[in-house]
Amino acid sequence: MTINGLEKDTPLISQLRASWFDALEQFQADPNLAESVFANLIKAYSDKKRHYHNLHHLQHILDSLTEVQALIVHFPALQLCAWFHDYIYDPQAIDNEMESAIAAEKILSKLRVNFDTLRLAQQIILSTRKHEPFLEETDNLIFLDVDLSILGTSPDKYLAYSQAIRQEYSHLSDRDYQTGRQQVLTQFLVKDRIYYTDYFYQKLESSARENLQTEINNLVSI
């Protein structure tokens, strides 16, 4: 069986389906509509142009949120953020987060997600554009840290991530990519803290800075 041409019963798809319906459980969403939306989400994150912002990134976000669930106030809202924060993704566009937030509002309202949860999810999705919190609330800070947790992974995982990002920006020349990427990485390094929460700061800050500096050095040497 397939979903939009994708295998329906792979372990990853099964795990994602469980997470999706868990997030919707308290909202009494229509199951048929929820299944249809799930299929569309899977299709979006499976686009061949997505080398990093794909199903594996989505699952990583969901797993990371579960890891710190005890610290989260509105867990279903952050689960929904995970599903929609990269729903619209075009490396050549500048309004991905806005379009994703709009889509979240339209789709989740049909799934009977309450206004407070929907509002929180939208604000957090919008905050991922510059990775600066819109809300001085723990949930916003946690989601931003989770979204950037890849920066503090092992050097080999970080290298695979950086290579995947380069593939997503294959429309840029090496020189243009090098210039833009250096600017992005440097913006993180000049911050007093990359991670807002103490949990992620203590766990990932040091390795993230090492990974970022290594990538900058490699870009300079190209």
Protein backbone atom coordinates (compact mmCIF):
# COMPACT_ATOMS: atom_id res chain seq x y z
CA MET A 1 0.00 0.00 0.00
CA THR A 2 1.17 3.53 -0.70
CA ILE A 3 0.46 7.13 0.29
CA ASN A 4 0.80 9.38 -2.75
CA GLY A 5 3.23 6.89 -4.25
CA LEU A 6 5.16 6.37 -1.00
CA GLU A 7 5.29 3.10 0.88
CA LYS A 8 2.63 3.27 3.58
CA ASP A 9 3.91 0.67 6.02
CA THR A 10 7.59 1.53 6.44
CA PRO A 11 8.72 1.87 10.08
CA LEU A 12 9.27 5.60 9.61
CA ILE A 13 5.81 6.23 8.17
CA SER A 14 4.22 4.11 10.88
CA GLN A 15 6.07 6.02 13.58
CA LEU A 16 5.10 9.34 12.07
CA ARG A 17 1.45 8.30 11.81
CA ALA A 18 1.41 7.39 15.50
CA SER A 19 2.89 10.80 16.38
CA TRP A 20 0.40 12.63 14.15
CA PHE A 21 -2.67 11.00 15.64
CA ASP A 22 -1.26 11.37 19.14
CA ALA A 23 -0.98 15.13 18.57
CA LEU A 24 -4.61 15.29 17.41
CA GLU A 25 -6.07 12.97 20.02
CA GLN A 26 -7.47 15.64 22.35
CA PHE A 27 -9.10 17.70 19.57
CA GLN A 28 -11.66 15.17 18.31
CA ALA A 29 -10.53 15.59 14.73
CA ASP A 30 -12.39 13.73 12.01
CA PRO A 31 -10.26 10.60 11.42
CA ASN A 32 -10.78 10.57 7.66
CA LEU A 33 -9.74 14.20 7.34
CA ALA A 34 -6.80 13.60 9.67
CA GLU A 35 -5.65 10.71 7.47
CA SER A 36 -5.95 12.86 4.36
CA VAL A 37 -3.94 15.69 5.93
CA PHE A 38 -1.34 13.18 7.11
CA ALA A 39 -0.92 11.93 3.54
CA ASN A 40 -0.43 15.48 2.27
CA LEU A 41 2.12 16.24 4.98
CA ILE A 42 4.08 13.10 4.15
CA LYS A 43 4.01 14.03 0.47
CA ALA A 44 5.31 17.54 1.22
CA TYR A 45 8.19 16.35 3.38
CA SER A 46 9.06 13.65 0.83
CA ASP A 47 9.69 16.07 -2.03
CA LYS A 48 12.87 15.03 -3.83
CA LYS A 49 14.27 18.56 -3.53
CA ARG A 50 14.32 18.21 0.26
CA HIS A 51 17.69 16.78 1.19
CA TYR A 52 17.58 17.92 4.82
CA HIS A 53 14.11 19.37 5.53
CA ASN A 54 12.48 16.01 4.98
CA LEU A 55 10.79 13.17 6.86
CA HIS A 56 13.95 12.35 8.80
CA HIS A 57 14.26 15.94 10.01
CA LEU A 58 10.59 15.83 11.01
CA GLN A 59 11.08 12.62 12.96
CA HIS A 60 14.18 14.05 14.63
CA ILE A 61 12.16 17.06 15.80
CA LEU A 62 9.37 14.84 17.14
CA ASP A 63 11.83 12.56 18.93
CA SER A 64 13.65 15.52 20.45
CA LEU A 65 10.39 17.02 21.72
CA THR A 66 9.49 13.71 23.33
CA GLU A 67 12.91 13.67 24.99
CA VAL A 68 12.13 16.95 26.79
CA GLN A 69 8.36 16.48 27.12
CA ALA A 70 8.56 16.99 30.89
CA LEU A 71 9.79 20.56 30.26
CA ILE A 72 7.04 21.43 27.78
CA VAL A 73 3.82 23.13 28.84
CA HIS A 74 1.73 22.58 25.68
CA PHE A 75 3.09 19.39 24.17
CA PRO A 76 0.41 18.91 21.44
CA ALA A 77 1.05 22.46 20.21
CA LEU A 78 4.75 21.73 19.77
CA GLN A 79 3.98 18.44 18.07
CA LEU A 80 1.85 20.35 15.57
CA CYS A 81 4.63 22.92 15.16
CA ALA A 82 6.93 20.10 14.18
CA TRP A 83 4.57 18.95 11.46
CA PHE A 84 3.95 22.39 10.00
CA HIS A 85 7.11 24.45 10.59
CA ASP A 86 8.63 23.27 7.28
CA TYR A 87 5.41 22.27 5.53
CA ILE A 88 6.04 24.94 2.90
CA TYR A 89 9.71 24.86 1.98
CA ASP A 90 11.36 26.46 -1.03
CA PRO A 91 15.05 27.43 -0.61
CA GLN A 92 14.55 30.24 -3.12
CA ALA A 93 11.64 31.81 -1.22
CA ILE A 94 11.74 34.20 1.73
CA ASP A 95 8.26 33.57 3.11
CA ASN A 96 8.32 29.86 3.91
CA GLU A 97 7.56 30.34 7.59
CA MET A 98 4.70 32.73 6.91
CA GLU A 99 3.19 30.41 4.32
CA SER A 100 3.61 27.44 6.65
CA ALA A 101 1.89 29.32 9.49
CA ILE A 102 -0.99 30.27 7.19
CA ALA A 103 -1.34 26.66 6.07
CA ALA A 104 -1.27 25.48 9.68
CA GLU A 105 -4.11 27.84 10.62
CA LYS A 106 -6.23 26.77 7.66
CA ILE A 107 -5.69 23.04 8.06
CA LEU A 108 -5.65 22.71 11.84
CA SER A 109 -8.82 24.74 12.27
CA LYS A 110 -10.59 22.19 10.06
CA LEU A 111 -9.22 19.49 12.37
CA ARG A 112 -10.91 21.23 15.32
CA VAL A 113 -7.69 22.31 17.01
CA ASN A 114 -8.67 24.91 19.60
CA PHE A 115 -7.78 28.58 19.16
CA ASP A 116 -5.17 28.79 21.94
CA THR A 117 -3.23 25.79 20.63
CA LEU A 118 -3.48 27.05 17.07
CA ARG A 119 -2.32 30.54 18.03
CA LEU A 120 0.66 29.20 19.95
CA ALA A 121 1.68 26.92 17.10
CA GLN A 122 1.46 29.75 14.57
CA GLN A 123 3.60 32.11 16.65
CA ILE A 124 6.28 29.48 17.18
CA ILE A 125 6.36 28.57 13.49
CA LEU A 126 6.85 32.25 12.62
CA SER A 127 9.65 32.52 15.18
CA THR A 128 11.72 29.93 13.30
CA ARG A 129 12.37 32.40 10.48
CA LYS A 130 15.13 34.20 12.40
CA HIS A 131 15.30 31.69 15.24
CA GLU A 132 14.29 34.37 17.70
CA PRO A 133 11.34 33.79 20.05
CA PHE A 134 8.09 35.63 19.43
CA LEU A 135 6.87 34.53 22.85
CA GLU A 136 8.88 34.65 26.07
CA GLU A 137 7.54 31.25 26.95
CA THR A 138 9.40 28.03 27.58
CA ASP A 139 7.65 26.23 24.73
CA ASN A 140 8.84 28.74 22.13
CA LEU A 141 12.41 28.53 23.43
CA ILE A 142 12.37 24.75 23.48
CA PHE A 143 11.11 24.47 19.92
CA LEU A 144 13.78 26.82 18.60
CA ASP A 145 16.45 24.82 20.41
CA VAL A 146 15.10 21.53 19.09
CA ASP A 147 15.03 22.91 15.54
CA LEU A 148 18.73 23.78 15.86
CA SER A 149 19.77 20.66 17.74
CA ILE A 150 21.39 19.31 14.57
CA LEU A 151 24.12 21.93 15.02
CA GLY A 152 25.35 20.21 18.17
CA THR A 153 25.43 16.65 16.89
CA SER A 154 28.55 14.59 16.20
CA PRO A 155 30.94 15.88 13.52
CA ASP A 156 29.94 13.18 11.03
CA LYS A 157 26.22 13.91 11.43
CA TYR A 158 26.90 17.63 11.15
CA LEU A 159 28.88 17.07 7.96
CA ALA A 160 25.99 15.10 6.45
CA TYR A 161 23.64 17.93 7.47
CA SER A 162 25.82 20.62 5.91
CA GLN A 163 26.14 18.63 2.69
CA ALA A 164 22.36 18.19 2.55
CA ILE A 165 21.85 21.93 2.99
CA ARG A 166 24.25 22.57 0.11
CA GLN A 167 22.18 20.24 -2.07
CA GLU A 168 19.03 22.16 -1.22
CA TYR A 169 20.75 25.34 -2.38
CA SER A 170 22.15 23.80 -5.55
CA HIS A 171 20.66 26.69 -7.51
CA LEU A 172 23.43 28.91 -6.09
CA SER A 173 26.97 29.08 -7.40
CA ASP A 174 29.74 27.93 -5.05
CA ARG A 175 30.80 31.52 -4.46
CA ASP A 176 27.30 32.77 -3.69
CA TYR A 177 26.59 29.82 -1.43
CA GLN A 178 29.89 30.25 0.40
CA THR A 179 29.18 33.92 1.08
CA GLY A 180 25.60 33.39 2.23
CA ARG A 181 26.35 30.33 4.30
CA GLN A 182 29.24 32.02 6.10
CA GLN A 183 26.95 34.89 7.04
CA VAL A 184 24.33 32.53 8.46
CA LEU A 185 26.86 30.51 10.46
CA THR A 186 28.61 33.61 11.78
CA GLN A 187 25.30 35.04 13.00
CA PHE A 188 24.98 32.04 15.28
CA LEU A 189 28.57 32.19 16.49
CA VAL A 190 28.44 35.85 17.52
CA LYS A 191 25.50 35.20 19.82
CA ASP A 192 26.19 34.87 23.53
CA ARG A 193 24.20 31.65 23.38
CA ILE A 194 23.01 29.57 20.44
CA TYR A 195 20.57 27.66 22.63
CA TYR A 196 18.03 29.45 24.79
CA THR A 197 17.22 26.75 27.32
CA ASP A 198 19.68 25.52 29.91
CA TYR A 199 19.00 21.91 28.91
CA PHE A 200 20.13 22.31 25.31
CA TYR A 201 22.80 24.87 26.17
CA GLN A 202 24.54 22.45 28.51
CA LYS A 203 24.07 19.52 26.15
CA LEU A 204 24.91 21.01 22.74
CA GLU A 205 26.39 24.53 22.91
CA SER A 206 30.06 23.58 22.91
CA SER A 207 29.81 21.00 20.12
CA ALA A 208 27.59 23.30 18.05
CA ARG A 209 30.19 26.07 18.14
CA GLU A 210 32.92 23.64 17.14
CA ASN A 211 30.85 22.33 14.23
CA LEU A 212 29.95 25.82 13.01
CA GLN A 213 33.54 26.99 13.13
CA THR A 214 34.73 23.89 11.29
CA GLU A 215 32.22 24.46 8.51
CA ILE A 216 33.25 28.13 8.22
CA ASN A 217 36.91 27.08 7.98
CA ASN A 218 36.06 24.56 5.28
CA LEU A 219 34.08 27.15 3.32
CA VAL A 220 36.96 29.61 3.47
CA SER A 221 39.39 26.98 2.17
CA ILE A 222 37.26 26.20 -0.91
